[in-house]
């Protein structure tokens, strides 16, 4: 069989919005095909199929919704992530 999956993550050094990066990577059979990074601000393809999808997504509503994830998903949760990690260390 084949496996397709998406991994979204927030990386941060502080709770300031400028120190947060949202990434979303798309994989097919363990091979990364496309990645969105909030620091780049667009999708980047790593395979022929991924490049075609990245071009399409960068010209559609997908890129706009991913750009908003940094503020709507990562930023509100940084405090919870930090507090959880600090209480366990």
Protein backbone atom coordinates (compact mmCIF):
# COMPACT_ATOMS: atom_id res chain seq x y z
CA UNK A 1 0.00 0.00 0.00
CA UNK A 2 0.85 3.65 -0.14
CA UNK A 3 0.98 6.13 2.70
CA UNK A 4 0.21 9.85 2.47
CA UNK A 5 0.44 12.09 5.52
CA UNK A 6 0.82 15.72 6.56
CA UNK A 7 2.82 17.06 9.49
CA UNK A 8 2.17 20.55 10.82
CA UNK A 9 4.40 22.11 13.46
CA UNK A 10 5.13 25.31 15.33
CA UNK A 11 8.73 26.14 16.16
CA UNK A 12 9.46 29.00 18.52
CA UNK A 13 12.14 30.56 20.71
CA UNK A 14 9.83 32.94 22.56
CA UNK A 15 6.19 33.96 22.63
CA UNK A 16 6.84 36.86 20.22
CA UNK A 17 5.16 36.43 16.84
CA UNK A 18 8.45 37.10 14.99
CA UNK A 19 10.10 34.15 16.79
CA UNK A 20 7.46 31.65 15.65
CA UNK A 21 7.59 29.58 12.47
CA UNK A 22 4.75 27.41 11.20
CA UNK A 23 5.63 24.57 8.85
CA UNK A 24 3.45 22.03 7.10
CA UNK A 25 5.09 19.14 5.26
CA UNK A 26 3.40 16.67 2.93
CA UNK A 27 4.81 13.15 2.57
CA UNK A 28 4.13 10.25 0.25
CA UNK A 29 5.76 6.91 1.08
CA UNK A 30 8.19 8.63 3.50
CA UNK A 31 9.33 11.06 0.79
CA UNK A 32 8.70 14.76 1.40
CA UNK A 33 6.89 16.12 -1.63
CA UNK A 34 5.78 19.63 -0.57
CA UNK A 35 6.49 21.96 2.35
CA UNK A 36 4.98 25.23 3.49
CA UNK A 37 7.03 27.48 5.77
CA UNK A 38 5.75 30.72 7.25
CA UNK A 39 9.25 32.19 7.02
CA UNK A 40 9.29 31.57 3.25
CA UNK A 41 5.59 32.39 2.91
CA UNK A 42 4.81 29.86 0.20
CA UNK A 43 4.78 26.18 -0.70
CA UNK A 44 7.97 24.61 -2.06
CA UNK A 45 7.91 21.35 -4.02
CA UNK A 46 10.60 18.69 -3.70
CA UNK A 47 9.43 16.23 -6.36
CA UNK A 48 7.92 16.69 -9.82
CA UNK A 49 4.45 16.07 -8.37
CA UNK A 50 5.20 18.36 -5.42
CA UNK A 51 6.42 21.20 -7.62
CA UNK A 52 3.19 21.08 -9.66
CA UNK A 53 1.09 21.14 -6.48
CA UNK A 54 3.17 23.94 -4.96
CA UNK A 55 2.69 26.11 -8.05
CA UNK A 56 -1.06 25.53 -7.96
CA UNK A 57 -1.39 26.09 -4.20
CA UNK A 58 0.75 29.25 -4.29
CA UNK A 59 -1.73 30.75 -6.78
CA UNK A 60 -4.84 29.73 -4.83
CA UNK A 61 -6.50 30.16 -1.44
CA UNK A 62 -4.34 27.41 0.13
CA UNK A 63 -1.31 29.68 0.56
CA UNK A 64 -3.40 32.41 2.21
CA UNK A 65 -4.88 30.02 4.76
CA UNK A 66 -1.43 28.56 5.59
CA UNK A 67 0.03 32.04 6.11
CA UNK A 68 -2.68 32.67 8.71
CA UNK A 69 -1.82 29.51 10.68
CA UNK A 70 1.12 31.17 12.40
CA UNK A 71 -1.21 33.72 14.01
CA UNK A 72 -4.33 31.59 14.40
CA UNK A 73 -2.81 28.27 15.50
CA UNK A 74 0.76 28.73 16.75
CA UNK A 75 0.60 32.09 18.52
CA UNK A 76 -2.37 31.28 20.82
CA UNK A 77 -0.84 27.91 21.79
CA UNK A 78 2.75 28.98 22.50
CA UNK A 79 1.92 29.68 26.15
CA UNK A 80 0.34 26.25 26.60
CA UNK A 81 3.26 24.50 24.88
CA UNK A 82 5.83 26.40 26.96
CA UNK A 83 4.02 25.85 30.25
CA UNK A 84 3.60 22.14 29.56
CA UNK A 85 7.29 21.71 28.73
CA UNK A 86 8.52 23.74 31.69
CA UNK A 87 6.41 21.87 34.24
CA UNK A 88 7.87 18.56 33.05
CA UNK A 89 11.53 19.64 33.06
